[in-house]
Amino acid sequence: MPSPIKNQITGIFVPVKDIEAARAWYCDLLGLEPTYDILSGHLCCIPMNNNGQNVVLDSNVYAPDNVFQTPAFHFDTDDIELAYAYMKEKGIALTSGIEHGHWFRFTDPDGNHLMICRC
């Protein structure tokens, strides 16, 4: 089966303690108005350029002793169910189911936490 995982990255995750304060700080740093929506109470996507890359601020994953177990970025797919089945078929260590019909997590052979997201 050809890979349903795209050879592109559109989201770089940044764990934050306070989503609203982080949105204000990053927008100020980048000279942007802090008008980007806060999704599900803990996510804020700040576009970085016209190519679709985003800094994704996420206050739902912050834990001082556990930050590096958070996926730092995600691979993209158009079909999250097909991507999940593909990863399962390859025997890749899945660490979540498909969440909110939008994403799932897995680990690589070195234990790095990664994510695939429907974009």
C-alpha atoms as a PDB file:
ATOM      1  CA  MET A   1       0.000   0.000   0.000  1.00  0.00           C
ATOM      2  CA  PRO A   2       1.397   3.458  -0.814  1.00  0.00           C
ATOM      3  CA  SER A   3       1.914   5.676   2.203  1.00  0.00           C
ATOM      4  CA  PRO A   4      -0.996   7.996   3.033  1.00  0.00           C
ATOM      5  CA  ILE A   5       1.421  10.088   5.116  1.00  0.00           C
ATOM      6  CA  LYS A   6       2.483  13.291   3.346  1.00  0.00           C
ATOM      7  CA  ASN A   7       6.109  14.339   3.113  1.00  0.00           C
ATOM      8  CA  GLN A   8       5.375  17.665   4.797  1.00  0.00           C
ATOM      9  CA  ILE A   9       5.058  19.187   8.242  1.00  0.00           C
ATOM     10  CA  THR A  10       2.609  21.983   8.959  1.00  0.00           C
ATOM     11  CA  GLY A  11       2.562  22.145  12.751  1.00  0.00           C
ATOM     12  CA  ILE A  12       5.361  22.658  15.263  1.00  0.00           C
ATOM     13  CA  PHE A  13       4.035  22.153  18.808  1.00  0.00           C
ATOM     14  CA  VAL A  14       5.080  24.332  21.719  1.00  0.00           C
ATOM     15  CA  PRO A  15       3.899  23.208  25.180  1.00  0.00           C
ATOM     16  CA  VAL A  16       2.721  26.238  27.191  1.00  0.00           C
ATOM     17  CA  LYS A  17       1.371  26.773  30.705  1.00  0.00           C
ATOM     18  CA  ASP A  18      -1.235  29.463  29.904  1.00  0.00           C
ATOM     19  CA  ILE A  19      -2.701  29.445  26.393  1.00  0.00           C
ATOM     20  CA  GLU A  20      -3.948  33.040  26.453  1.00  0.00           C
ATOM     21  CA  ALA A  21      -0.688  34.452  27.826  1.00  0.00           C
ATOM     22  CA  ALA A  22       1.307  32.369  25.332  1.00  0.00           C
ATOM     23  CA  ARG A  23      -0.850  33.558  22.413  1.00  0.00           C
ATOM     24  CA  ALA A  24      -0.282  37.174  23.466  1.00  0.00           C
ATOM     25  CA  TRP A  25       3.482  36.653  23.901  1.00  0.00           C
ATOM     26  CA  TYR A  26       4.067  34.844  20.583  1.00  0.00           C
ATOM     27  CA  CYS A  27       1.881  37.291  18.658  1.00  0.00           C
ATOM     28  CA  ASP A  28       3.742  40.230  20.193  1.00  0.00           C
ATOM     29  CA  LEU A  29       7.076  38.588  19.371  1.00  0.00           C
ATOM     30  CA  LEU A  30       6.031  38.102  15.732  1.00  0.00           C
ATOM     31  CA  GLY A  31       4.304  41.476  15.366  1.00  0.00           C
ATOM     32  CA  LEU A  32       0.850  39.921  14.992  1.00  0.00           C
ATOM     33  CA  GLU A  33      -2.502  40.807  16.506  1.00  0.00           C
ATOM     34  CA  PRO A  34      -3.508  38.188  19.124  1.00  0.00           C
ATOM     35  CA  THR A  35      -6.761  37.402  17.317  1.00  0.00           C
ATOM     36  CA  TYR A  36      -6.129  33.717  16.578  1.00  0.00           C
ATOM     37  CA  ASP A  37      -8.800  31.413  17.973  1.00  0.00           C
ATOM     38  CA  ILE A  38      -8.138  29.243  20.996  1.00  0.00           C
ATOM     39  CA  LEU A  39      -9.442  25.817  20.025  1.00  0.00           C
ATOM     40  CA  SER A  40     -10.883  23.349  22.540  1.00  0.00           C
ATOM     41  CA  GLY A  41      -9.712  25.643  25.331  1.00  0.00           C
ATOM     42  CA  HIS A  42      -6.034  24.700  24.925  1.00  0.00           C
ATOM     43  CA  LEU A  43      -4.771  25.078  21.323  1.00  0.00           C
ATOM     44  CA  CYS A  44      -3.805  28.120  19.298  1.00  0.00           C
ATOM     45  CA  CYS A  45      -2.401  27.852  15.759  1.00  0.00           C
ATOM     46  CA  ILE A  46      -0.306  30.827  14.661  1.00  0.00           C
ATOM     47  CA  PRO A  47       0.491  30.796  10.923  1.00  0.00           C
ATOM     48  CA  MET A  48       4.178  31.256  10.180  1.00  0.00           C
ATOM     49  CA  ASN A  49       4.093  31.887   6.419  1.00  0.00           C
ATOM     50  CA  ASN A  50       2.017  31.420   3.294  1.00  0.00           C
ATOM     51  CA  ASN A  51       3.044  27.756   2.925  1.00  0.00           C
ATOM     52  CA  GLY A  52       0.774  26.448   5.693  1.00  0.00           C
ATOM     53  CA  GLN A  53       3.270  26.051   8.541  1.00  0.00           C
ATOM     54  CA  ASN A  54       1.970  26.879  12.023  1.00  0.00           C
ATOM     55  CA  VAL A  55       3.312  27.191  15.531  1.00  0.00           C
ATOM     56  CA  VAL A  56       0.768  25.257  17.598  1.00  0.00           C
ATOM     57  CA  LEU A  57       0.614  26.449  21.199  1.00  0.00           C
ATOM     58  CA  ASP A  58      -0.853  23.712  23.404  1.00  0.00           C
ATOM     59  CA  SER A  59      -1.556  24.126  27.110  1.00  0.00           C
ATOM     60  CA  ASN A  60      -3.113  20.670  27.420  1.00  0.00           C
ATOM     61  CA  VAL A  61       0.242  18.892  27.227  1.00  0.00           C
ATOM     62  CA  TYR A  62       2.426  20.995  29.489  1.00  0.00           C
ATOM     63  CA  ALA A  63       3.990  19.193  32.421  1.00  0.00           C
ATOM     64  CA  PRO A  64       7.371  20.409  33.725  1.00  0.00           C
ATOM     65  CA  ASP A  65       8.756  16.879  34.068  1.00  0.00           C
ATOM     66  CA  ASN A  66       7.175  15.527  30.884  1.00  0.00           C
ATOM     67  CA  VAL A  67       7.516  18.181  28.165  1.00  0.00           C
ATOM     68  CA  PHE A  68       9.640  16.098  25.826  1.00  0.00           C
ATOM     69  CA  GLN A  69       7.057  13.319  25.657  1.00  0.00           C
ATOM     70  CA  THR A  70       4.838  15.745  23.776  1.00  0.00           C
ATOM     71  CA  PRO A  71       4.955  15.452  19.983  1.00  0.00           C
ATOM     72  CA  ALA A  72       6.974  18.428  18.757  1.00  0.00           C
ATOM     73  CA  PHE A  73       5.448  18.305  15.289  1.00  0.00           C
ATOM     74  CA  HIS A  74       2.987  16.320  13.226  1.00  0.00           C
ATOM     75  CA  PHE A  75       3.038  14.647   9.854  1.00  0.00           C
ATOM     76  CA  ASP A  76       0.054  15.424   7.658  1.00  0.00           C
ATOM     77  CA  THR A  77      -2.527  13.203   5.998  1.00  0.00           C
ATOM     78  CA  ASP A  78      -5.739  13.766   4.055  1.00  0.00           C
ATOM     79  CA  ASP A  79      -7.268  10.515   5.366  1.00  0.00           C
ATOM     80  CA  ILE A  80      -6.759   9.968   9.096  1.00  0.00           C
ATOM     81  CA  GLU A  81      -8.479   6.559   9.147  1.00  0.00           C
ATOM     82  CA  LEU A  82      -6.337   5.277   6.264  1.00  0.00           C
ATOM     83  CA  ALA A  83      -3.194   6.654   7.913  1.00  0.00           C
ATOM     84  CA  TYR A  84      -4.095   4.954  11.208  1.00  0.00           C
ATOM     85  CA  ALA A  85      -4.719   1.628   9.444  1.00  0.00           C
ATOM     86  CA  TYR A  86      -1.443   2.014   7.540  1.00  0.00           C
ATOM     87  CA  MET A  87       0.543   2.590  10.739  1.00  0.00           C
ATOM     88  CA  LYS A  88      -1.200  -0.313  12.470  1.00  0.00           C
ATOM     89  CA  GLU A  89      -0.481  -2.608   9.500  1.00  0.00           C
ATOM     90  CA  LYS A  90       3.215  -1.647   9.669  1.00  0.00           C
ATOM     91  CA  GLY A  91       3.313  -2.613  13.364  1.00  0.00           C
ATOM     92  CA  ILE A  92       4.210   0.901  14.498  1.00  0.00           C
ATOM     93  CA  ALA A  93       3.656   1.553  18.221  1.00  0.00           C
ATOM     94  CA  LEU A  94       0.446   3.589  18.347  1.00  0.00           C
ATOM     95  CA  THR A  95       0.047   5.479  21.624  1.00  0.00           C
ATOM     96  CA  SER A  96      -3.472   6.784  21.042  1.00  0.00           C
ATOM     97  CA  GLY A  97      -6.507   6.095  18.970  1.00  0.00           C
ATOM     98  CA  ILE A  98      -7.791   8.645  16.489  1.00  0.00           C
ATOM     99  CA  GLU A  99      -8.711  11.639  18.645  1.00  0.00           C
ATOM    100  CA  HIS A 100     -11.577  13.958  17.675  1.00  0.00           C
ATOM    101  CA  GLY A 101     -11.496  12.456  14.157  1.00  0.00           C
ATOM    102  CA  HIS A 102      -8.399  14.561  13.578  1.00  0.00           C
ATOM    103  CA  TRP A 103      -5.115  13.103  14.932  1.00  0.00           C
ATOM    104  CA  PHE A 104      -3.308  10.210  16.596  1.00  0.00           C
ATOM    105  CA  ARG A 105       0.050   9.672  18.302  1.00  0.00           C
ATOM    106  CA  PHE A 106       2.741   7.028  17.919  1.00  0.00           C
ATOM    107  CA  THR A 107       6.365   6.428  18.836  1.00  0.00           C
ATOM    108  CA  ASP A 108       9.336   5.757  16.624  1.00  0.00           C
ATOM    109  CA  PRO A 109      11.813   2.929  17.385  1.00  0.00           C
ATOM    110  CA  ASP A 110      13.793   5.285  19.672  1.00  0.00           C
ATOM    111  CA  GLY A 111      10.715   6.166  21.724  1.00  0.00           C
ATOM    112  CA  ASN A 112      10.228   9.637  20.250  1.00  0.00           C
ATOM    113  CA  HIS A 113       6.591  10.743  20.499  1.00  0.00           C
ATOM    114  CA  LEU A 114       5.176  11.788  17.128  1.00  0.00           C
ATOM    115  CA  MET A 115       1.779  12.608  15.663  1.00  0.00           C
ATOM    116  CA  ILE A 116      -0.173  12.363  12.422  1.00  0.00           C
ATOM    117  CA  CYS A 117      -2.864  14.962  11.842  1.00  0.00           C
ATOM    118  CA  ARG A 118      -5.583  15.358   9.217  1.00  0.00           C
ATOM    119  CA  CYS A 119      -4.996  18.799   7.707  1.00  0.00           C
END
